[in-house]
Amino acid sequence: WLGFHAAVALATAFKPFYAAFWIVP
């Protein structure tokens, strides 16, 4: 999941609601 965590962290820095994707892992 490392690549997924990195992608979601970057996306959340652009738009806060991308943090919802941490529900997947």
PDBML (XML) file of the C-alpha atoms, coordinates in Angstrom:
<?xml version="1.0" encoding="UTF-8" ?>
<PDBx:datablock datablockName="MODEL"
   xmlns:PDBx="http://pdbml.pdb.org/schema/pdbx-v50.xsd"
   xmlns:xsi="http://www.w3.org/2001/XMLSchema-instance"
   xsi:schemaLocation="http://pdbml.pdb.org/schema/pdbx-v50.xsd pdbx-v50.xsd">
   <PDBx:atom_siteCategory>
      <PDBx:atom_site id="1">
         <PDBx:B_iso_or_equiv>0.00</PDBx:B_iso_or_equiv>
         <PDBx:Cartn_x>0.000</PDBx:Cartn_x>
         <PDBx:Cartn_y>0.000</PDBx:Cartn_y>
         <PDBx:Cartn_z>0.000</PDBx:Cartn_z>
         <PDBx:auth_asym_id>A</PDBx:auth_asym_id>
         <PDBx:auth_atom_id>CA</PDBx:auth_atom_id>
         <PDBx:auth_comp_id>TRP</PDBx:auth_comp_id>
         <PDBx:auth_seq_id>1</PDBx:auth_seq_id>
         <PDBx:group_PDB>ATOM</PDBx:group_PDB>
         <PDBx:label_alt_id xsi:nil="true" />
         <PDBx:label_asym_id>A</PDBx:label_asym_id>
         <PDBx:label_atom_id>CA</PDBx:label_atom_id>
         <PDBx:label_comp_id>TRP</PDBx:label_comp_id>
         <PDBx:label_entity_id>1</PDBx:label_entity_id>
         <PDBx:label_seq_id>1</PDBx:label_seq_id>
         <PDBx:occupancy>1.00</PDBx:occupancy>
         <PDBx:pdbx_PDB_model_num>1</PDBx:pdbx_PDB_model_num>
         <PDBx:type_symbol>C</PDBx:type_symbol>
      </PDBx:atom_site>
      <PDBx:atom_site id="2">
         <PDBx:B_iso_or_equiv>0.00</PDBx:B_iso_or_equiv>
         <PDBx:Cartn_x>2.979</PDBx:Cartn_x>
         <PDBx:Cartn_y>2.392</PDBx:Cartn_y>
         <PDBx:Cartn_z>0.145</PDBx:Cartn_z>
         <PDBx:auth_asym_id>A</PDBx:auth_asym_id>
         <PDBx:auth_atom_id>CA</PDBx:auth_atom_id>
         <PDBx:auth_comp_id>LEU</PDBx:auth_comp_id>
         <PDBx:auth_seq_id>2</PDBx:auth_seq_id>
         <PDBx:group_PDB>ATOM</PDBx:group_PDB>
         <PDBx:label_alt_id xsi:nil="true" />
         <PDBx:label_asym_id>A</PDBx:label_asym_id>
         <PDBx:label_atom_id>CA</PDBx:label_atom_id>
         <PDBx:label_comp_id>LEU</PDBx:label_comp_id>
         <PDBx:label_entity_id>1</PDBx:label_entity_id>
         <PDBx:label_seq_id>2</PDBx:label_seq_id>
         <PDBx:occupancy>1.00</PDBx:occupancy>
         <PDBx:pdbx_PDB_model_num>1</PDBx:pdbx_PDB_model_num>
         <PDBx:type_symbol>C</PDBx:type_symbol>
      </PDBx:atom_site>
      <PDBx:atom_site id="3">
         <PDBx:B_iso_or_equiv>0.00</PDBx:B_iso_or_equiv>
         <PDBx:Cartn_x>2.382</PDBx:Cartn_x>
         <PDBx:Cartn_y>3.880</PDBx:Cartn_y>
         <PDBx:Cartn_z>-3.309</PDBx:Cartn_z>
         <PDBx:auth_asym_id>A</PDBx:auth_asym_id>
         <PDBx:auth_atom_id>CA</PDBx:auth_atom_id>
         <PDBx:auth_comp_id>GLY</PDBx:auth_comp_id>
         <PDBx:auth_seq_id>3</PDBx:auth_seq_id>
         <PDBx:group_PDB>ATOM</PDBx:group_PDB>
         <PDBx:label_alt_id xsi:nil="true" />
         <PDBx:label_asym_id>A</PDBx:label_asym_id>
         <PDBx:label_atom_id>CA</PDBx:label_atom_id>
         <PDBx:label_comp_id>GLY</PDBx:label_comp_id>
         <PDBx:label_entity_id>1</PDBx:label_entity_id>
         <PDBx:label_seq_id>3</PDBx:label_seq_id>
         <PDBx:occupancy>1.00</PDBx:occupancy>
         <PDBx:pdbx_PDB_model_num>1</PDBx:pdbx_PDB_model_num>
         <PDBx:type_symbol>C</PDBx:type_symbol>
      </PDBx:atom_site>
      <PDBx:atom_site id="4">
         <PDBx:B_iso_or_equiv>0.00</PDBx:B_iso_or_equiv>
         <PDBx:Cartn_x>-1.320</PDBx:Cartn_x>
         <PDBx:Cartn_y>4.306</PDBx:Cartn_y>
         <PDBx:Cartn_z>-2.555</PDBx:Cartn_z>
         <PDBx:auth_asym_id>A</PDBx:auth_asym_id>
         <PDBx:auth_atom_id>CA</PDBx:auth_atom_id>
         <PDBx:auth_comp_id>PHE</PDBx:auth_comp_id>
         <PDBx:auth_seq_id>4</PDBx:auth_seq_id>
         <PDBx:group_PDB>ATOM</PDBx:group_PDB>
         <PDBx:label_alt_id xsi:nil="true" />
         <PDBx:label_asym_id>A</PDBx:label_asym_id>
         <PDBx:label_atom_id>CA</PDBx:label_atom_id>
         <PDBx:label_comp_id>PHE</PDBx:label_comp_id>
         <PDBx:label_entity_id>1</PDBx:label_entity_id>
         <PDBx:label_seq_id>4</PDBx:label_seq_id>
         <PDBx:occupancy>1.00</PDBx:occupancy>
         <PDBx:pdbx_PDB_model_num>1</PDBx:pdbx_PDB_model_num>
         <PDBx:type_symbol>C</PDBx:type_symbol>
      </PDBx:atom_site>
      <PDBx:atom_site id="5">
         <PDBx:B_iso_or_equiv>0.00</PDBx:B_iso_or_equiv>
         <PDBx:Cartn_x>-0.586</PDBx:Cartn_x>
         <PDBx:Cartn_y>6.105</PDBx:Cartn_y>
         <PDBx:Cartn_z>0.746</PDBx:Cartn_z>
         <PDBx:auth_asym_id>A</PDBx:auth_asym_id>
         <PDBx:auth_atom_id>CA</PDBx:auth_atom_id>
         <PDBx:auth_comp_id>HIS</PDBx:auth_comp_id>
         <PDBx:auth_seq_id>5</PDBx:auth_seq_id>
         <PDBx:group_PDB>ATOM</PDBx:group_PDB>
         <PDBx:label_alt_id xsi:nil="true" />
         <PDBx:label_asym_id>A</PDBx:label_asym_id>
         <PDBx:label_atom_id>CA</PDBx:label_atom_id>
         <PDBx:label_comp_id>HIS</PDBx:label_comp_id>
         <PDBx:label_entity_id>1</PDBx:label_entity_id>
         <PDBx:label_seq_id>5</PDBx:label_seq_id>
         <PDBx:occupancy>1.00</PDBx:occupancy>
         <PDBx:pdbx_PDB_model_num>1</PDBx:pdbx_PDB_model_num>
         <PDBx:type_symbol>C</PDBx:type_symbol>
      </PDBx:atom_site>
      <PDBx:atom_site id="6">
         <PDBx:B_iso_or_equiv>0.00</PDBx:B_iso_or_equiv>
         <PDBx:Cartn_x>1.862</PDBx:Cartn_x>
         <PDBx:Cartn_y>8.429</PDBx:Cartn_y>
         <PDBx:Cartn_z>-1.026</PDBx:Cartn_z>
         <PDBx:auth_asym_id>A</PDBx:auth_asym_id>
         <PDBx:auth_atom_id>CA</PDBx:auth_atom_id>
         <PDBx:auth_comp_id>ALA</PDBx:auth_comp_id>
         <PDBx:auth_seq_id>6</PDBx:auth_seq_id>
         <PDBx:group_PDB>ATOM</PDBx:group_PDB>
         <PDBx:label_alt_id xsi:nil="true" />
         <PDBx:label_asym_id>A</PDBx:label_asym_id>
         <PDBx:label_atom_id>CA</PDBx:label_atom_id>
         <PDBx:label_comp_id>ALA</PDBx:label_comp_id>
         <PDBx:label_entity_id>1</PDBx:label_entity_id>
         <PDBx:label_seq_id>6</PDBx:label_seq_id>
         <PDBx:occupancy>1.00</PDBx:occupancy>
         <PDBx:pdbx_PDB_model_num>1</PDBx:pdbx_PDB_model_num>
         <PDBx:type_symbol>C</PDBx:type_symbol>
      </PDBx:atom_site>
      <PDBx:atom_site id="7">
         <PDBx:B_iso_or_equiv>0.00</PDBx:B_iso_or_equiv>
         <PDBx:Cartn_x>-0.646</PDBx:Cartn_x>
         <PDBx:Cartn_y>9.201</PDBx:Cartn_y>
         <PDBx:Cartn_z>-3.803</PDBx:Cartn_z>
         <PDBx:auth_asym_id>A</PDBx:auth_asym_id>
         <PDBx:auth_atom_id>CA</PDBx:auth_atom_id>
         <PDBx:auth_comp_id>ALA</PDBx:auth_comp_id>
         <PDBx:auth_seq_id>7</PDBx:auth_seq_id>
         <PDBx:group_PDB>ATOM</PDBx:group_PDB>
         <PDBx:label_alt_id xsi:nil="true" />
         <PDBx:label_asym_id>A</PDBx:label_asym_id>
         <PDBx:label_atom_id>CA</PDBx:label_atom_id>
         <PDBx:label_comp_id>ALA</PDBx:label_comp_id>
         <PDBx:label_entity_id>1</PDBx:label_entity_id>
         <PDBx:label_seq_id>7</PDBx:label_seq_id>
         <PDBx:occupancy>1.00</PDBx:occupancy>
         <PDBx:pdbx_PDB_model_num>1</PDBx:pdbx_PDB_model_num>
         <PDBx:type_symbol>C</PDBx:type_symbol>
      </PDBx:atom_site>
      <PDBx:atom_site id="8">
         <PDBx:B_iso_or_equiv>0.00</PDBx:B_iso_or_equiv>
         <PDBx:Cartn_x>-3.467</PDBx:Cartn_x>
         <PDBx:Cartn_y>9.935</PDBx:Cartn_y>
         <PDBx:Cartn_z>-1.345</PDBx:Cartn_z>
         <PDBx:auth_asym_id>A</PDBx:auth_asym_id>
         <PDBx:auth_atom_id>CA</PDBx:auth_atom_id>
         <PDBx:auth_comp_id>VAL</PDBx:auth_comp_id>
         <PDBx:auth_seq_id>8</PDBx:auth_seq_id>
         <PDBx:group_PDB>ATOM</PDBx:group_PDB>
         <PDBx:label_alt_id xsi:nil="true" />
         <PDBx:label_asym_id>A</PDBx:label_asym_id>
         <PDBx:label_atom_id>CA</PDBx:label_atom_id>
         <PDBx:label_comp_id>VAL</PDBx:label_comp_id>
         <PDBx:label_entity_id>1</PDBx:label_entity_id>
         <PDBx:label_seq_id>8</PDBx:label_seq_id>
         <PDBx:occupancy>1.00</PDBx:occupancy>
         <PDBx:pdbx_PDB_model_num>1</PDBx:pdbx_PDB_model_num>
         <PDBx:type_symbol>C</PDBx:type_symbol>
      </PDBx:atom_site>
      <PDBx:atom_site id="9">
         <PDBx:B_iso_or_equiv>0.00</PDBx:B_iso_or_equiv>
         <PDBx:Cartn_x>-1.194</PDBx:Cartn_x>
         <PDBx:Cartn_y>12.129</PDBx:Cartn_y>
         <PDBx:Cartn_z>0.791</PDBx:Cartn_z>
         <PDBx:auth_asym_id>A</PDBx:auth_asym_id>
         <PDBx:auth_atom_id>CA</PDBx:auth_atom_id>
         <PDBx:auth_comp_id>ALA</PDBx:auth_comp_id>
         <PDBx:auth_seq_id>9</PDBx:auth_seq_id>
         <PDBx:group_PDB>ATOM</PDBx:group_PDB>
         <PDBx:label_alt_id xsi:nil="true" />
         <PDBx:label_asym_id>A</PDBx:label_asym_id>
         <PDBx:label_atom_id>CA</PDBx:label_atom_id>
         <PDBx:label_comp_id>ALA</PDBx:label_comp_id>
         <PDBx:label_entity_id>1</PDBx:label_entity_id>
         <PDBx:label_seq_id>9</PDBx:label_seq_id>
         <PDBx:occupancy>1.00</PDBx:occupancy>
         <PDBx:pdbx_PDB_model_num>1</PDBx:pdbx_PDB_model_num>
         <PDBx:type_symbol>C</PDBx:type_symbol>
      </PDBx:atom_site>
      <PDBx:atom_site id="10">
         <PDBx:B_iso_or_equiv>0.00</PDBx:B_iso_or_equiv>
         <PDBx:Cartn_x>-0.186</PDBx:Cartn_x>
         <PDBx:Cartn_y>14.174</PDBx:Cartn_y>
         <PDBx:Cartn_z>-2.266</PDBx:Cartn_z>
         <PDBx:auth_asym_id>A</PDBx:auth_asym_id>
         <PDBx:auth_atom_id>CA</PDBx:auth_atom_id>
         <PDBx:auth_comp_id>LEU</PDBx:auth_comp_id>
         <PDBx:auth_seq_id>10</PDBx:auth_seq_id>
         <PDBx:group_PDB>ATOM</PDBx:group_PDB>
         <PDBx:label_alt_id xsi:nil="true" />
         <PDBx:label_asym_id>A</PDBx:label_asym_id>
         <PDBx:label_atom_id>CA</PDBx:label_atom_id>
         <PDBx:label_comp_id>LEU</PDBx:label_comp_id>
         <PDBx:label_entity_id>1</PDBx:label_entity_id>
         <PDBx:label_seq_id>10</PDBx:label_seq_id>
         <PDBx:occupancy>1.00</PDBx:occupancy>
         <PDBx:pdbx_PDB_model_num>1</PDBx:pdbx_PDB_model_num>
         <PDBx:type_symbol>C</PDBx:type_symbol>
      </PDBx:atom_site>
      <PDBx:atom_site id="11">
         <PDBx:B_iso_or_equiv>0.00</PDBx:B_iso_or_equiv>
         <PDBx:Cartn_x>-3.782</PDBx:Cartn_x>
         <PDBx:Cartn_y>14.445</PDBx:Cartn_y>
         <PDBx:Cartn_z>-3.453</PDBx:Cartn_z>
         <PDBx:auth_asym_id>A</PDBx:auth_asym_id>
         <PDBx:auth_atom_id>CA</PDBx:auth_atom_id>
         <PDBx:auth_comp_id>ALA</PDBx:auth_comp_id>
         <PDBx:auth_seq_id>11</PDBx:auth_seq_id>
         <PDBx:group_PDB>ATOM</PDBx:group_PDB>
         <PDBx:label_alt_id xsi:nil="true" />
         <PDBx:label_asym_id>A</PDBx:label_asym_id>
         <PDBx:label_atom_id>CA</PDBx:label_atom_id>
         <PDBx:label_comp_id>ALA</PDBx:label_comp_id>
         <PDBx:label_entity_id>1</PDBx:label_entity_id>
         <PDBx:label_seq_id>11</PDBx:label_seq_id>
         <PDBx:occupancy>1.00</PDBx:occupancy>
         <PDBx:pdbx_PDB_model_num>1</PDBx:pdbx_PDB_model_num>
         <PDBx:type_symbol>C</PDBx:type_symbol>
      </PDBx:atom_site>
      <PDBx:atom_site id="12">
         <PDBx:B_iso_or_equiv>0.00</PDBx:B_iso_or_equiv>
         <PDBx:Cartn_x>-4.963</PDBx:Cartn_x>
         <PDBx:Cartn_y>15.525</PDBx:Cartn_y>
         <PDBx:Cartn_z>0.010</PDBx:Cartn_z>
         <PDBx:auth_asym_id>A</PDBx:auth_asym_id>
         <PDBx:auth_atom_id>CA</PDBx:auth_atom_id>
         <PDBx:auth_comp_id>THR</PDBx:auth_comp_id>
         <PDBx:auth_seq_id>12</PDBx:auth_seq_id>
         <PDBx:group_PDB>ATOM</PDBx:group_PDB>
         <PDBx:label_alt_id xsi:nil="true" />
         <PDBx:label_asym_id>A</PDBx:label_asym_id>
         <PDBx:label_atom_id>CA</PDBx:label_atom_id>
         <PDBx:label_comp_id>THR</PDBx:label_comp_id>
         <PDBx:label_entity_id>1</PDBx:label_entity_id>
         <PDBx:label_seq_id>12</PDBx:label_seq_id>
         <PDBx:occupancy>1.00</PDBx:occupancy>
         <PDBx:pdbx_PDB_model_num>1</PDBx:pdbx_PDB_model_num>
         <PDBx:type_symbol>C</PDBx:type_symbol>
      </PDBx:atom_site>
      <PDBx:atom_site id="13">
         <PDBx:B_iso_or_equiv>0.00</PDBx:B_iso_or_equiv>
         <PDBx:Cartn_x>-2.380</PDBx:Cartn_x>
         <PDBx:Cartn_y>18.322</PDBx:Cartn_y>
         <PDBx:Cartn_z>-0.021</PDBx:Cartn_z>
         <PDBx:auth_asym_id>A</PDBx:auth_asym_id>
         <PDBx:auth_atom_id>CA</PDBx:auth_atom_id>
         <PDBx:auth_comp_id>ALA</PDBx:auth_comp_id>
         <PDBx:auth_seq_id>13</PDBx:auth_seq_id>
         <PDBx:group_PDB>ATOM</PDBx:group_PDB>
         <PDBx:label_alt_id xsi:nil="true" />
         <PDBx:label_asym_id>A</PDBx:label_asym_id>
         <PDBx:label_atom_id>CA</PDBx:label_atom_id>
         <PDBx:label_comp_id>ALA</PDBx:label_comp_id>
         <PDBx:label_entity_id>1</PDBx:label_entity_id>
         <PDBx:label_seq_id>13</PDBx:label_seq_id>
         <PDBx:occupancy>1.00</PDBx:occupancy>
         <PDBx:pdbx_PDB_model_num>1</PDBx:pdbx_PDB_model_num>
         <PDBx:type_symbol>C</PDBx:type_symbol>
      </PDBx:atom_site>
      <PDBx:atom_site id="14">
         <PDBx:B_iso_or_equiv>0.00</PDBx:B_iso_or_equiv>
         <PDBx:Cartn_x>-4.154</PDBx:Cartn_x>
         <PDBx:Cartn_y>19.594</PDBx:Cartn_y>
         <PDBx:Cartn_z>-3.149</PDBx:Cartn_z>
         <PDBx:auth_asym_id>A</PDBx:auth_asym_id>
         <PDBx:auth_atom_id>CA</PDBx:auth_atom_id>
         <PDBx:auth_comp_id>PHE</PDBx:auth_comp_id>
         <PDBx:auth_seq_id>14</PDBx:auth_seq_id>
         <PDBx:group_PDB>ATOM</PDBx:group_PDB>
         <PDBx:label_alt_id xsi:nil="true" />
         <PDBx:label_asym_id>A</PDBx:label_asym_id>
         <PDBx:label_atom_id>CA</PDBx:label_atom_id>
         <PDBx:label_comp_id>PHE</PDBx:label_comp_id>
         <PDBx:label_entity_id>1</PDBx:label_entity_id>
         <PDBx:label_seq_id>14</PDBx:label_seq_id>
         <PDBx:occupancy>1.00</PDBx:occupancy>
         <PDBx:pdbx_PDB_model_num>1</PDBx:pdbx_PDB_model_num>
         <PDBx:type_symbol>C</PDBx:type_symbol>
      </PDBx:atom_site>
      <PDBx:atom_site id="15">
         <PDBx:B_iso_or_equiv>0.00</PDBx:B_iso_or_equiv>
         <PDBx:Cartn_x>-7.739</PDBx:Cartn_x>
         <PDBx:Cartn_y>19.031</PDBx:Cartn_y>
         <PDBx:Cartn_z>-1.952</PDBx:Cartn_z>
         <PDBx:auth_asym_id>A</PDBx:auth_asym_id>
         <PDBx:auth_atom_id>CA</PDBx:auth_atom_id>
         <PDBx:auth_comp_id>LYS</PDBx:auth_comp_id>
         <PDBx:auth_seq_id>15</PDBx:auth_seq_id>
         <PDBx:group_PDB>ATOM</PDBx:group_PDB>
         <PDBx:label_alt_id xsi:nil="true" />
         <PDBx:label_asym_id>A</PDBx:label_asym_id>
         <PDBx:label_atom_id>CA</PDBx:label_atom_id>
         <PDBx:label_comp_id>LYS</PDBx:label_comp_id>
         <PDBx:label_entity_id>1</PDBx:label_entity_id>
         <PDBx:label_seq_id>15</PDBx:label_seq_id>
         <PDBx:occupancy>1.00</PDBx:occupancy>
         <PDBx:pdbx_PDB_model_num>1</PDBx:pdbx_PDB_model_num>
         <PDBx:type_symbol>C</PDBx:type_symbol>
      </PDBx:atom_site>
      <PDBx:atom_site id="16">
         <PDBx:B_iso_or_equiv>0.00</PDBx:B_iso_or_equiv>
         <PDBx:Cartn_x>-8.638</PDBx:Cartn_x>
         <PDBx:Cartn_y>18.019</PDBx:Cartn_y>
         <PDBx:Cartn_z>1.629</PDBx:Cartn_z>
         <PDBx:auth_asym_id>A</PDBx:auth_asym_id>
         <PDBx:auth_atom_id>CA</PDBx:auth_atom_id>
         <PDBx:auth_comp_id>PRO</PDBx:auth_comp_id>
         <PDBx:auth_seq_id>16</PDBx:auth_seq_id>
         <PDBx:group_PDB>ATOM</PDBx:group_PDB>
         <PDBx:label_alt_id xsi:nil="true" />
         <PDBx:label_asym_id>A</PDBx:label_asym_id>
         <PDBx:label_atom_id>CA</PDBx:label_atom_id>
         <PDBx:label_comp_id>PRO</PDBx:label_comp_id>
         <PDBx:label_entity_id>1</PDBx:label_entity_id>
         <PDBx:label_seq_id>16</PDBx:label_seq_id>
         <PDBx:occupancy>1.00</PDBx:occupancy>
         <PDBx:pdbx_PDB_model_num>1</PDBx:pdbx_PDB_model_num>
         <PDBx:type_symbol>C</PDBx:type_symbol>
      </PDBx:atom_site>
      <PDBx:atom_site id="17">
         <PDBx:B_iso_or_equiv>0.00</PDBx:B_iso_or_equiv>
         <PDBx:Cartn_x>-11.453</PDBx:Cartn_x>
         <PDBx:Cartn_y>15.626</PDBx:Cartn_y>
         <PDBx:Cartn_z>0.731</PDBx:Cartn_z>
         <PDBx:auth_asym_id>A</PDBx:auth_asym_id>
         <PDBx:auth_atom_id>CA</PDBx:auth_atom_id>
         <PDBx:auth_comp_id>PHE</PDBx:auth_comp_id>
         <PDBx:auth_seq_id>17</PDBx:auth_seq_id>
         <PDBx:group_PDB>ATOM</PDBx:group_PDB>
         <PDBx:label_alt_id xsi:nil="true" />
         <PDBx:label_asym_id>A</PDBx:label_asym_id>
         <PDBx:label_atom_id>CA</PDBx:label_atom_id>
         <PDBx:label_comp_id>PHE</PDBx:label_comp_id>
         <PDBx:label_entity_id>1</PDBx:label_entity_id>
         <PDBx:label_seq_id>17</PDBx:label_seq_id>
         <PDBx:occupancy>1.00</PDBx:occupancy>
         <PDBx:pdbx_PDB_model_num>1</PDBx:pdbx_PDB_model_num>
         <PDBx:type_symbol>C</PDBx:type_symbol>
      </PDBx:atom_site>
      <PDBx:atom_site id="18">
         <PDBx:B_iso_or_equiv>0.00</PDBx:B_iso_or_equiv>
         <PDBx:Cartn_x>-9.082</PDBx:Cartn_x>
         <PDBx:Cartn_y>13.187</PDBx:Cartn_y>
         <PDBx:Cartn_z>-0.959</PDBx:Cartn_z>
         <PDBx:auth_asym_id>A</PDBx:auth_asym_id>
         <PDBx:auth_atom_id>CA</PDBx:auth_atom_id>
         <PDBx:auth_comp_id>TYR</PDBx:auth_comp_id>
         <PDBx:auth_seq_id>18</PDBx:auth_seq_id>
         <PDBx:group_PDB>ATOM</PDBx:group_PDB>
         <PDBx:label_alt_id xsi:nil="true" />
         <PDBx:label_asym_id>A</PDBx:label_asym_id>
         <PDBx:label_atom_id>CA</PDBx:label_atom_id>
         <PDBx:label_comp_id>TYR</PDBx:label_comp_id>
         <PDBx:label_entity_id>1</PDBx:label_entity_id>
         <PDBx:label_seq_id>18</PDBx:label_seq_id>
         <PDBx:occupancy>1.00</PDBx:occupancy>
         <PDBx:pdbx_PDB_model_num>1</PDBx:pdbx_PDB_model_num>
         <PDBx:type_symbol>C</PDBx:type_symbol>
      </PDBx:atom_site>
      <PDBx:atom_site id="19">
         <PDBx:B_iso_or_equiv>0.00</PDBx:B_iso_or_equiv>
         <PDBx:Cartn_x>-8.309</PDBx:Cartn_x>
         <PDBx:Cartn_y>12.050</PDBx:Cartn_y>
         <PDBx:Cartn_z>2.598</PDBx:Cartn_z>
         <PDBx:auth_asym_id>A</PDBx:auth_asym_id>
         <PDBx:auth_atom_id>CA</PDBx:auth_atom_id>
         <PDBx:auth_comp_id>ALA</PDBx:auth_comp_id>
         <PDBx:auth_seq_id>19</PDBx:auth_seq_id>
         <PDBx:group_PDB>ATOM</PDBx:group_PDB>
         <PDBx:label_alt_id xsi:nil="true" />
         <PDBx:label_asym_id>A</PDBx:label_asym_id>
         <PDBx:label_atom_id>CA</PDBx:label_atom_id>
         <PDBx:label_comp_id>ALA</PDBx:label_comp_id>
         <PDBx:label_entity_id>1</PDBx:label_entity_id>
         <PDBx:label_seq_id>19</PDBx:label_seq_id>
         <PDBx:occupancy>1.00</PDBx:occupancy>
         <PDBx:pdbx_PDB_model_num>1</PDBx:pdbx_PDB_model_num>
         <PDBx:type_symbol>C</PDBx:type_symbol>
      </PDBx:atom_site>
      <PDBx:atom_site id="20">
         <PDBx:B_iso_or_equiv>0.00</PDBx:B_iso_or_equiv>
         <PDBx:Cartn_x>-11.481</PDBx:Cartn_x>
         <PDBx:Cartn_y>9.953</PDBx:Cartn_y>
         <PDBx:Cartn_z>2.371</PDBx:Cartn_z>
         <PDBx:auth_asym_id>A</PDBx:auth_asym_id>
         <PDBx:auth_atom_id>CA</PDBx:auth_atom_id>
         <PDBx:auth_comp_id>ALA</PDBx:auth_comp_id>
         <PDBx:auth_seq_id>20</PDBx:auth_seq_id>
         <PDBx:group_PDB>ATOM</PDBx:group_PDB>
         <PDBx:label_alt_id xsi:nil="true" />
         <PDBx:label_asym_id>A</PDBx:label_asym_id>
         <PDBx:label_atom_id>CA</PDBx:label_atom_id>
         <PDBx:label_comp_id>ALA</PDBx:label_comp_id>
         <PDBx:label_entity_id>1</PDBx:label_entity_id>
         <PDBx:label_seq_id>20</PDBx:label_seq_id>
         <PDBx:occupancy>1.00</PDBx:occupancy>
         <PDBx:pdbx_PDB_model_num>1</PDBx:pdbx_PDB_model_num>
         <PDBx:type_symbol>C</PDBx:type_symbol>
      </PDBx:atom_site>
      <PDBx:atom_site id="21">
         <PDBx:B_iso_or_equiv>0.00</PDBx:B_iso_or_equiv>
         <PDBx:Cartn_x>-9.495</PDBx:Cartn_x>
         <PDBx:Cartn_y>7.485</PDBx:Cartn_y>
         <PDBx:Cartn_z>0.240</PDBx:Cartn_z>
         <PDBx:auth_asym_id>A</PDBx:auth_asym_id>
         <PDBx:auth_atom_id>CA</PDBx:auth_atom_id>
         <PDBx:auth_comp_id>PHE</PDBx:auth_comp_id>
         <PDBx:auth_seq_id>21</PDBx:auth_seq_id>
         <PDBx:group_PDB>ATOM</PDBx:group_PDB>
         <PDBx:label_alt_id xsi:nil="true" />
         <PDBx:label_asym_id>A</PDBx:label_asym_id>
         <PDBx:label_atom_id>CA</PDBx:label_atom_id>
         <PDBx:label_comp_id>PHE</PDBx:label_comp_id>
         <PDBx:label_entity_id>1</PDBx:label_entity_id>
         <PDBx:label_seq_id>21</PDBx:label_seq_id>
         <PDBx:occupancy>1.00</PDBx:occupancy>
         <PDBx:pdbx_PDB_model_num>1</PDBx:pdbx_PDB_model_num>
         <PDBx:type_symbol>C</PDBx:type_symbol>
      </PDBx:atom_site>
      <PDBx:atom_site id="22">
         <PDBx:B_iso_or_equiv>0.00</PDBx:B_iso_or_equiv>
         <PDBx:Cartn_x>-7.696</PDBx:Cartn_x>
         <PDBx:Cartn_y>6.244</PDBx:Cartn_y>
         <PDBx:Cartn_z>3.353</PDBx:Cartn_z>
         <PDBx:auth_asym_id>A</PDBx:auth_asym_id>
         <PDBx:auth_atom_id>CA</PDBx:auth_atom_id>
         <PDBx:auth_comp_id>TRP</PDBx:auth_comp_id>
         <PDBx:auth_seq_id>22</PDBx:auth_seq_id>
         <PDBx:group_PDB>ATOM</PDBx:group_PDB>
         <PDBx:label_alt_id xsi:nil="true" />
         <PDBx:label_asym_id>A</PDBx:label_asym_id>
         <PDBx:label_atom_id>CA</PDBx:label_atom_id>
         <PDBx:label_comp_id>TRP</PDBx:label_comp_id>
         <PDBx:label_entity_id>1</PDBx:label_entity_id>
         <PDBx:label_seq_id>22</PDBx:label_seq_id>
         <PDBx:occupancy>1.00</PDBx:occupancy>
         <PDBx:pdbx_PDB_model_num>1</PDBx:pdbx_PDB_model_num>
         <PDBx:type_symbol>C</PDBx:type_symbol>
      </PDBx:atom_site>
      <PDBx:atom_site id="23">
         <PDBx:B_iso_or_equiv>0.00</PDBx:B_iso_or_equiv>
         <PDBx:Cartn_x>-10.874</PDBx:Cartn_x>
         <PDBx:Cartn_y>4.296</PDBx:Cartn_y>
         <PDBx:Cartn_z>4.029</PDBx:Cartn_z>
         <PDBx:auth_asym_id>A</PDBx:auth_asym_id>
         <PDBx:auth_atom_id>CA</PDBx:auth_atom_id>
         <PDBx:auth_comp_id>ILE</PDBx:auth_comp_id>
         <PDBx:auth_seq_id>23</PDBx:auth_seq_id>
         <PDBx:group_PDB>ATOM</PDBx:group_PDB>
         <PDBx:label_alt_id xsi:nil="true" />
         <PDBx:label_asym_id>A</PDBx:label_asym_id>
         <PDBx:label_atom_id>CA</PDBx:label_atom_id>
         <PDBx:label_comp_id>ILE</PDBx:label_comp_id>
         <PDBx:label_entity_id>1</PDBx:label_entity_id>
         <PDBx:label_seq_id>23</PDBx:label_seq_id>
         <PDBx:occupancy>1.00</PDBx:occupancy>
         <PDBx:pdbx_PDB_model_num>1</PDBx:pdbx_PDB_model_num>
         <PDBx:type_symbol>C</PDBx:type_symbol>
      </PDBx:atom_site>
      <PDBx:atom_site id="24">
         <PDBx:B_iso_or_equiv>0.00</PDBx:B_iso_or_equiv>
         <PDBx:Cartn_x>-9.719</PDBx:Cartn_x>
         <PDBx:Cartn_y>1.900</PDBx:Cartn_y>
         <PDBx:Cartn_z>1.279</PDBx:Cartn_z>
         <PDBx:auth_asym_id>A</PDBx:auth_asym_id>
         <PDBx:auth_atom_id>CA</PDBx:auth_atom_id>
         <PDBx:auth_comp_id>VAL</PDBx:auth_comp_id>
         <PDBx:auth_seq_id>24</PDBx:auth_seq_id>
         <PDBx:group_PDB>ATOM</PDBx:group_PDB>
         <PDBx:label_alt_id xsi:nil="true" />
         <PDBx:label_asym_id>A</PDBx:label_asym_id>
         <PDBx:label_atom_id>CA</PDBx:label_atom_id>
         <PDBx:label_comp_id>VAL</PDBx:label_comp_id>
         <PDBx:label_entity_id>1</PDBx:label_entity_id>
         <PDBx:label_seq_id>24</PDBx:label_seq_id>
         <PDBx:occupancy>1.00</PDBx:occupancy>
         <PDBx:pdbx_PDB_model_num>1</PDBx:pdbx_PDB_model_num>
         <PDBx:type_symbol>C</PDBx:type_symbol>
      </PDBx:atom_site>
      <PDBx:atom_site id="25">
         <PDBx:B_iso_or_equiv>0.00</PDBx:B_iso_or_equiv>
         <PDBx:Cartn_x>-6.534</PDBx:Cartn_x>
         <PDBx:Cartn_y>0.522</PDBx:Cartn_y>
         <PDBx:Cartn_z>2.950</PDBx:Cartn_z>
         <PDBx:auth_asym_id>A</PDBx:auth_asym_id>
         <PDBx:auth_atom_id>CA</PDBx:auth_atom_id>
         <PDBx:auth_comp_id>PRO</PDBx:auth_comp_id>
         <PDBx:auth_seq_id>25</PDBx:auth_seq_id>
         <PDBx:group_PDB>ATOM</PDBx:group_PDB>
         <PDBx:label_alt_id xsi:nil="true" />
         <PDBx:label_asym_id>A</PDBx:label_asym_id>
         <PDBx:label_atom_id>CA</PDBx:label_atom_id>
         <PDBx:label_comp_id>PRO</PDBx:label_comp_id>
         <PDBx:label_entity_id>1</PDBx:label_entity_id>
         <PDBx:label_seq_id>25</PDBx:label_seq_id>
         <PDBx:occupancy>1.00</PDBx:occupancy>
         <PDBx:pdbx_PDB_model_num>1</PDBx:pdbx_PDB_model_num>
         <PDBx:type_symbol>C</PDBx:type_symbol>
      </PDBx:atom_site>
   </PDBx:atom_siteCategory>
</PDBx:datablock>
